Protein backbone atom coordinates (compact mmCIF):
# COMPACT_ATOMS: atom_id res chain seq x y z
CA MET A 1 -40.07 105.54 100.30
CA ASN A 2 -41.46 104.47 103.16
CA GLU A 3 -44.36 105.30 105.82
CA LEU A 4 -43.95 107.78 108.22
CA ASN A 5 -43.94 106.12 111.40
CA GLU A 6 -46.29 106.44 113.47
CA SER A 7 -45.52 109.89 115.91
CA ASP A 8 -44.25 112.16 112.83
CA ALA A 9 -47.74 111.26 110.53
CA LEU A 10 -49.22 112.32 113.73
CA ARG A 11 -47.41 115.39 113.92
CA ALA A 12 -48.97 116.26 110.41
CA ASP A 13 -51.58 115.46 111.60
CA VAL A 14 -51.85 118.12 114.48
CA TYR A 15 -50.21 120.70 111.78
CA ARG A 16 -53.14 121.39 109.32
CA LEU A 17 -55.66 120.38 111.52
CA LEU A 18 -54.24 124.05 113.25
CA ALA A 19 -54.10 125.11 110.44
CA ARG A 20 -57.35 124.83 108.88
CA LEU A 21 -58.52 125.92 112.46
CA LEU A 22 -56.74 129.08 112.55
CA ARG A 23 -58.05 129.39 108.72
CA GLU A 24 -61.24 129.19 108.96
CA ALA A 25 -64.25 128.34 111.94
CA PRO A 26 -64.87 124.90 112.05
CA ASP A 27 -67.86 123.64 109.79
CA ALA A 28 -70.75 120.74 111.67
CA ALA A 29 -69.03 118.35 110.19
CA LEU A 30 -65.12 118.86 111.56
CA LEU A 31 -66.88 119.77 115.27
CA ASP A 32 -68.87 116.17 115.21
CA TRP A 33 -65.59 114.82 114.15
CA LEU A 34 -63.52 116.71 116.62
CA ALA A 35 -66.86 115.85 119.66
CA GLY A 36 -66.21 112.04 119.20
CA LEU A 37 -62.51 111.65 119.03
CA GLU A 38 -60.90 109.34 122.32
CA VAL A 39 -57.69 110.44 123.24
CA GLU A 40 -56.14 108.44 126.53
CA ALA A 41 -55.60 109.68 129.39
CA ASP A 42 -51.70 109.81 129.86
CA GLY A 43 -51.27 112.47 132.16
CA THR A 44 -49.39 114.82 130.04
CA LEU A 45 -50.07 118.61 129.45
CA LEU A 46 -50.90 117.72 125.20
CA ALA A 47 -54.16 115.05 126.19
CA GLU A 48 -55.75 117.24 128.98
CA ARG A 49 -55.72 119.93 126.61
CA TRP A 50 -56.60 117.63 123.82
CA THR A 51 -59.97 116.02 125.93
CA ALA A 52 -61.18 119.77 126.62
CA LEU A 53 -61.82 120.77 123.13
CA ILE A 54 -62.69 117.74 122.47
CA GLU A 55 -65.52 119.00 125.32
CA ALA A 56 -65.46 122.02 124.09
CA ALA A 57 -66.43 120.74 120.07
CA ARG A 58 -69.21 118.28 122.03
CA GLU A 59 -70.58 121.63 123.97
CA THR A 60 -70.64 124.29 120.33
CA THR A 61 -72.09 124.63 117.07
CA ALA A 62 -71.16 125.80 113.14
CA GLU A 63 -73.02 128.46 113.61
CA ALA A 64 -72.13 130.05 116.84
CA GLN A 65 -68.26 129.55 115.41
CA ALA A 66 -68.26 131.50 112.20
CA ARG A 67 -69.09 134.19 114.96
CA ALA A 68 -66.55 133.27 117.07
CA HIS A 69 -63.81 132.92 114.43
CA PHE A 70 -64.41 136.52 112.76
CA ARG A 71 -64.52 138.44 116.00
CA HIS A 72 -61.02 136.57 117.32
CA LEU A 73 -59.09 135.74 114.46
CA VAL A 74 -60.37 138.97 111.41
CA GLY A 75 -61.96 141.32 112.75
CA VAL A 76 -63.66 144.17 111.00
CA VAL A 77 -60.21 146.10 111.19
CA GLN A 78 -58.38 143.14 113.23
CA GLY A 79 -59.32 140.45 115.39
CA ASP A 80 -58.58 140.02 118.78
CA VAL A 81 -55.45 137.80 117.57
CA THR A 82 -53.54 138.87 114.60
CA PRO A 83 -51.49 135.05 113.67
CA TYR A 84 -49.37 136.87 112.02
CA ALA A 85 -45.03 136.24 112.17
CA SER A 86 -44.51 139.94 111.13
CA TRP A 87 -47.20 141.33 113.96
CA TYR A 88 -45.52 139.14 116.65
CA ARG A 89 -41.28 139.50 115.69
CA ASN A 90 -41.41 143.05 114.47
CA GLY A 91 -45.10 144.69 115.73
CA GLU A 92 -46.03 146.07 111.90
CA LEU A 93 -48.07 143.84 109.19
CA MET A 94 -46.19 142.54 105.76
CA ASP A 95 -42.40 143.19 108.00
CA ALA A 96 -39.14 141.55 108.15
CA ALA A 97 -40.33 138.55 109.44
CA LEU A 98 -41.95 138.10 106.03
CA VAL A 99 -39.60 138.78 104.14
CA ALA A 100 -37.01 136.74 105.41
CA LEU A 101 -39.78 133.15 104.89
CA ARG A 102 -40.97 134.80 101.65
CA ARG A 103 -37.14 133.75 100.68
CA ASP A 104 -36.67 130.34 102.62
CA LEU A 105 -40.03 129.10 101.25
CA LYS A 106 -38.79 130.24 97.34
CA ALA A 107 -35.56 128.32 98.45
CA LEU A 108 -37.60 125.40 98.83
CA GLY A 109 -39.61 125.56 95.90
CA PHE A 110 -43.13 126.31 97.78
CA GLN A 111 -45.38 128.73 95.67
CA ARG A 112 -48.50 131.28 98.00
CA ALA A 113 -51.67 130.02 96.35
CA GLU A 114 -53.20 131.94 93.82
CA GLN A 115 -56.87 131.94 95.66
CA CYS A 116 -54.78 132.43 98.72
CA ARG A 117 -55.76 136.13 100.63
CA ASP A 118 -53.62 135.85 103.42
CA PRO A 119 -49.61 136.39 103.45
CA GLU A 120 -46.72 133.65 103.76
CA ASP A 121 -46.64 134.69 107.42
CA HIS A 122 -50.08 133.68 108.62
CA LEU A 123 -50.01 130.55 110.74
CA ALA A 124 -52.10 128.87 109.31
CA ALA A 125 -50.07 129.12 106.38
CA LEU A 126 -46.70 128.08 108.17
CA ALA A 127 -48.52 125.02 109.84
CA GLU A 128 -49.40 123.98 106.67
CA VAL A 129 -45.36 124.06 105.34
CA MET A 130 -44.61 122.07 108.71
CA ALA A 131 -47.05 119.22 107.83
CA MET A 132 -45.47 119.20 103.77
CA LEU A 133 -42.19 118.84 105.19
CA ILE A 134 -42.67 115.96 107.53
CA GLU A 135 -44.33 113.98 105.01
CA ALA A 136 -41.87 114.61 102.94
CA ARG A 137 -38.93 113.90 105.13
CA SER A 138 -37.28 117.17 104.55
CA LYS A 139 -33.85 117.98 106.28
CA ASP A 140 -35.15 121.21 106.40
CA GLU A 141 -37.82 120.97 109.11
CA ALA A 142 -36.15 121.74 112.35
CA ARG A 143 -34.39 124.52 111.05
CA PHE A 144 -37.51 126.22 109.11
CA PHE A 145 -39.41 125.65 113.05
CA MET A 146 -37.29 126.96 114.51
CA ALA A 147 -36.33 130.50 112.32
CA HIS A 148 -40.53 130.99 111.05
CA LEU A 149 -42.73 129.34 114.53
CA ALA A 150 -40.11 128.42 116.95
CA PRO A 151 -39.64 132.96 117.86
CA TRP A 152 -43.64 133.09 118.00
CA ALA A 153 -45.94 130.80 117.13
CA ALA A 154 -46.12 129.31 121.18
CA ASP A 155 -47.00 132.94 122.40
CA CYS A 156 -49.69 133.57 118.97
CA LEU A 157 -51.82 130.40 120.38
CA ALA A 158 -51.34 131.34 124.13
CA ASP A 159 -53.06 135.01 123.28
CA LEU A 160 -55.91 132.68 121.72
CA GLY A 161 -56.11 131.04 124.54
CA ARG A 162 -57.23 133.71 126.47
CA VAL A 163 -60.28 134.78 124.50
CA ASP A 164 -63.58 134.61 125.97
CA THR A 165 -64.62 131.52 123.39
CA PRO A 166 -63.97 128.26 124.57
CA PHE A 167 -63.81 126.58 121.65
CA GLN A 168 -61.61 128.94 120.76
CA ALA A 169 -59.20 129.45 123.71
CA ARG A 170 -58.79 125.72 124.34
CA LEU A 171 -57.71 125.48 120.27
CA GLY A 172 -54.85 128.22 121.44
CA ARG A 173 -54.37 125.99 124.53
CA LEU A 174 -54.02 123.00 122.72
CA GLY A 175 -51.81 124.84 120.01
CA ALA A 176 -49.30 126.66 122.33
CA ALA A 177 -48.09 123.00 124.02
CA PHE A 178 -48.22 121.55 121.09
CA MET A 179 -46.03 124.24 119.40
CA GLU A 180 -43.96 124.69 122.75
CA GLN A 181 -43.38 121.00 122.60
CA GLU A 182 -42.06 120.89 119.33
CA GLY A 183 -39.58 123.13 119.89
CA ARG A 184 -37.92 120.84 122.25
CA ARG A 185 -38.19 118.10 119.85
CA LEU A 186 -37.12 120.13 116.88
CA GLU A 187 -34.58 122.33 118.21
CA ALA A 188 -31.65 119.76 119.37
CA GLU A 189 -32.25 118.33 115.76
CA ALA A 190 -31.97 122.48 114.66
CA GLN A 191 -28.34 122.37 116.60
CA GLN A 192 -27.45 118.89 114.35
CA HIS A 193 -27.59 120.61 111.26
CA PRO A 194 -26.47 124.84 112.31
CA VAL A 195 -27.04 127.43 110.19
CA ARG A 196 -27.36 131.31 110.62
CA ILE A 197 -30.66 132.56 111.26
CA VAL A 198 -30.56 136.29 110.84
CA GLU A 199 -33.02 137.93 112.60
CA PRO A 200 -35.67 140.14 110.59
């Protein structure tokens, strides 16, 4: 199999980075890596938001991020943002969106890792699935995105973009812009492979 083209490899990397930062706080090594990134200032919204995240990574610490991640994305009961498809689409955790997702993941051959405590509709898990579908050059990539991410992911990340911690907020804004770009990219492709999506 030929290697992924540069654009798709970068998309998979962004999905994996989003997944990593949504699932757990960045450690010092990841913050250092982000702080050292260089982004081409090409005038696009994504470049602007990458630059903002890189600046925030330079100005925070792993200790501060551990506290912020818990407050914004975990919480004692729940955080400021609840990054689950069922919450955004149905208003309840463990609801119809999760049932539909589990059905589609099973059809695609994905299984939940035994050590994972989060339900499969956590945004981090969906981002990881997208990365794997891209890397596998799956014909289901566009359909999976339109069914399980397009209806809510950008809204969730936009909500994260409004929290009061600069790094987390800038992650949310970057993620929202990326998801919106992905939606534009994949909508036309999904229409070439029509499938009836039943809203949960």
